[in-house]
Amino acid sequence: MKADTYRFLGWDYMDMPADACSKRKVEVEFIDNQSKSVSRVEFTFEAGLVVSAEGWERSFETGQL
């Protein structure tokens, strides 16, 4: 993966009580604009530490609407 940008959807609200040490997941897209590929990785955290990361890579196209 040779990403030059990334993107993730922010947490605008939490529908549960805050507990910083509980298990949390976040999905991040790493984008390589030169090779037109995107890698989507789901990170799992426990007590603030990454305990796993898994995902996939695929090609993409962009254009005007």
N, C-alpha and C. Protein backbone atom coordinates (compact mmCIF):
# COMPACT_ATOMS: atom_id res chain seq x y z
N MET A 1 0.85 -1.17 0.00
CA MET A 1 0.00 0.00 0.00
C MET A 1 0.90 1.24 0.00
N LYS A 2 0.65 2.12 -0.96
CA LYS A 2 1.42 3.37 -1.05
C LYS A 2 0.44 4.54 -1.07
N ALA A 3 -0.35 4.64 -0.04
CA ALA A 3 -1.40 5.67 0.02
C ALA A 3 -0.80 7.07 0.15
N ASP A 4 -1.47 8.03 -0.51
CA ASP A 4 -1.08 9.43 -0.36
C ASP A 4 -2.14 10.25 0.36
N THR A 5 -3.32 9.69 0.56
CA THR A 5 -4.38 10.35 1.35
C THR A 5 -5.15 9.27 2.11
N TYR A 6 -5.95 9.72 3.06
CA TYR A 6 -6.82 8.80 3.80
C TYR A 6 -8.14 9.49 4.06
N ARG A 7 -9.13 8.71 4.47
CA ARG A 7 -10.43 9.28 4.82
C ARG A 7 -11.11 8.35 5.80
N PHE A 8 -11.84 8.93 6.73
CA PHE A 8 -12.70 8.16 7.63
C PHE A 8 -13.89 9.01 7.98
N LEU A 9 -14.98 8.35 8.31
CA LEU A 9 -16.20 9.05 8.69
C LEU A 9 -16.13 9.35 10.18
N GLY A 10 -16.35 10.61 10.54
CA GLY A 10 -16.21 11.04 11.93
C GLY A 10 -17.34 10.56 12.82
N TRP A 11 -17.07 10.59 14.09
CA TRP A 11 -18.08 10.27 15.09
C TRP A 11 -18.74 11.57 15.50
N ASP A 12 -19.92 11.83 14.97
CA ASP A 12 -20.63 13.06 15.28
C ASP A 12 -21.44 12.95 16.56
N TYR A 13 -21.69 11.73 16.99
CA TYR A 13 -22.40 11.49 18.24
C TYR A 13 -22.10 10.07 18.70
N MET A 14 -22.35 9.82 19.96
CA MET A 14 -22.24 8.45 20.49
C MET A 14 -23.57 8.10 21.12
N ASP A 15 -24.11 6.96 20.75
CA ASP A 15 -25.42 6.55 21.27
C ASP A 15 -25.30 5.61 22.47
N MET A 16 -24.15 5.71 23.17
CA MET A 16 -23.91 4.88 24.34
C MET A 16 -23.06 5.67 25.33
N PRO A 17 -23.01 5.27 26.57
CA PRO A 17 -22.14 5.95 27.52
C PRO A 17 -20.67 5.86 27.09
N ALA A 18 -19.92 6.92 27.32
CA ALA A 18 -18.50 6.93 26.97
C ALA A 18 -17.72 5.98 27.88
N ASP A 19 -16.88 5.16 27.29
CA ASP A 19 -16.01 4.24 28.03
C ASP A 19 -14.76 4.06 27.19
N ALA A 20 -13.75 4.87 27.48
CA ALA A 20 -12.53 4.90 26.67
C ALA A 20 -11.80 3.57 26.61
N CYS A 21 -11.99 2.70 27.59
CA CYS A 21 -11.25 1.43 27.62
C CYS A 21 -11.99 0.29 26.95
N SER A 22 -13.24 0.51 26.54
CA SER A 22 -13.99 -0.58 25.92
C SER A 22 -13.52 -0.82 24.49
N LYS A 23 -13.99 -1.91 23.91
CA LYS A 23 -13.62 -2.28 22.55
C LYS A 23 -14.28 -1.31 21.56
N ARG A 24 -13.49 -0.77 20.63
CA ARG A 24 -13.97 0.17 19.63
C ARG A 24 -13.43 -0.22 18.27
N LYS A 25 -14.17 0.14 17.22
CA LYS A 25 -13.72 -0.12 15.85
C LYS A 25 -13.83 1.16 15.04
N VAL A 26 -12.90 1.33 14.11
CA VAL A 26 -12.95 2.45 13.17
C VAL A 26 -12.48 1.93 11.82
N GLU A 27 -13.16 2.39 10.77
CA GLU A 27 -12.80 1.99 9.42
C GLU A 27 -12.15 3.17 8.72
N VAL A 28 -10.98 2.95 8.13
CA VAL A 28 -10.21 4.00 7.46
C VAL A 28 -9.93 3.56 6.03
N GLU A 29 -10.10 4.48 5.09
CA GLU A 29 -9.74 4.23 3.70
C GLU A 29 -8.42 4.92 3.40
N PHE A 30 -7.46 4.16 2.89
CA PHE A 30 -6.17 4.70 2.47
C PHE A 30 -6.17 4.72 0.95
N ILE A 31 -5.94 5.90 0.35
CA ILE A 31 -6.12 6.09 -1.08
C ILE A 31 -4.77 6.35 -1.75
N ASP A 32 -4.50 5.58 -2.80
CA ASP A 32 -3.32 5.77 -3.64
C ASP A 32 -3.82 6.33 -4.97
N ASN A 33 -3.75 7.65 -5.12
CA ASN A 33 -4.28 8.30 -6.32
C ASN A 33 -3.48 7.99 -7.58
N GLN A 34 -2.21 7.69 -7.44
CA GLN A 34 -1.38 7.40 -8.62
C GLN A 34 -1.77 6.06 -9.25
N SER A 35 -1.92 5.04 -8.43
CA SER A 35 -2.28 3.72 -8.97
C SER A 35 -3.79 3.49 -8.98
N LYS A 36 -4.58 4.48 -8.52
CA LYS A 36 -6.05 4.40 -8.48
C LYS A 36 -6.52 3.18 -7.69
N SER A 37 -5.99 3.04 -6.47
CA SER A 37 -6.43 1.95 -5.59
C SER A 37 -6.79 2.51 -4.22
N VAL A 38 -7.70 1.83 -3.57
CA VAL A 38 -8.12 2.22 -2.22
C VAL A 38 -8.08 0.98 -1.33
N SER A 39 -7.53 1.13 -0.14
CA SER A 39 -7.48 0.05 0.84
C SER A 39 -8.37 0.44 2.01
N ARG A 40 -9.36 -0.37 2.29
CA ARG A 40 -10.26 -0.11 3.42
C ARG A 40 -9.85 -1.04 4.56
N VAL A 41 -9.48 -0.46 5.70
CA VAL A 41 -8.98 -1.24 6.84
C VAL A 41 -9.84 -0.94 8.06
N GLU A 42 -10.30 -1.98 8.73
CA GLU A 42 -11.03 -1.83 9.99
C GLU A 42 -10.07 -2.11 11.14
N PHE A 43 -9.84 -1.10 11.96
CA PHE A 43 -8.98 -1.22 13.14
C PHE A 43 -9.85 -1.48 14.36
N THR A 44 -9.43 -2.41 15.21
CA THR A 44 -10.11 -2.67 16.47
C THR A 44 -9.17 -2.28 17.60
N PHE A 45 -9.71 -1.49 18.53
CA PHE A 45 -8.95 -0.99 19.68
C PHE A 45 -9.54 -1.56 20.97
N GLU A 46 -8.68 -1.88 21.92
CA GLU A 46 -9.10 -2.23 23.28
C GLU A 46 -8.18 -1.50 24.23
N ALA A 47 -8.75 -0.78 25.17
CA ALA A 47 -7.99 0.02 26.14
C ALA A 47 -7.04 0.98 25.43
N GLY A 48 -7.47 1.49 24.28
CA GLY A 48 -6.67 2.48 23.55
C GLY A 48 -5.56 1.90 22.68
N LEU A 49 -5.45 0.56 22.60
CA LEU A 49 -4.40 -0.08 21.81
C LEU A 49 -5.01 -0.81 20.62
N VAL A 50 -4.33 -0.79 19.49
CA VAL A 50 -4.79 -1.55 18.32
C VAL A 50 -4.57 -3.03 18.59
N VAL A 51 -5.65 -3.82 18.50
CA VAL A 51 -5.54 -5.26 18.73
C VAL A 51 -5.72 -6.05 17.44
N SER A 52 -6.29 -5.42 16.41
CA SER A 52 -6.39 -6.08 15.11
C SER A 52 -6.65 -5.05 14.02
N ALA A 53 -6.29 -5.44 12.79
CA ALA A 53 -6.55 -4.64 11.61
C ALA A 53 -6.75 -5.59 10.45
N GLU A 54 -7.85 -5.44 9.75
CA GLU A 54 -8.10 -6.29 8.59
C GLU A 54 -8.85 -5.49 7.54
N GLY A 55 -8.65 -5.87 6.29
CA GLY A 55 -9.32 -5.14 5.23
C GLY A 55 -9.01 -5.69 3.86
N TRP A 56 -9.23 -4.86 2.85
CA TRP A 56 -9.06 -5.27 1.47
C TRP A 56 -8.64 -4.08 0.63
N GLU A 57 -8.19 -4.35 -0.60
CA GLU A 57 -7.77 -3.32 -1.54
C GLU A 57 -8.50 -3.53 -2.86
N ARG A 58 -8.86 -2.41 -3.51
CA ARG A 58 -9.52 -2.50 -4.81
C ARG A 58 -9.25 -1.25 -5.62
N SER A 59 -9.50 -1.31 -6.91
CA SER A 59 -9.29 -0.16 -7.78
C SER A 59 -10.50 0.77 -7.73
N PHE A 60 -10.31 2.02 -8.18
CA PHE A 60 -11.43 2.96 -8.24
C PHE A 60 -11.26 3.90 -9.43
N GLU A 61 -12.36 4.52 -9.82
CA GLU A 61 -12.40 5.54 -10.88
C GLU A 61 -13.17 6.73 -10.36
N THR A 62 -12.81 7.91 -10.81
CA THR A 62 -13.53 9.13 -10.46
C THR A 62 -13.86 9.89 -11.74
N GLY A 63 -14.83 10.79 -11.65
CA GLY A 63 -15.20 11.59 -12.81
C GLY A 63 -16.24 12.63 -12.45
N GLN A 64 -16.55 13.46 -13.40
CA GLN A 64 -17.56 14.51 -13.24
C GLN A 64 -18.95 13.93 -13.37
N LEU A 65 -19.93 14.52 -12.65
CA LEU A 65 -21.34 14.13 -12.78
C LEU A 65 -22.03 15.12 -13.68
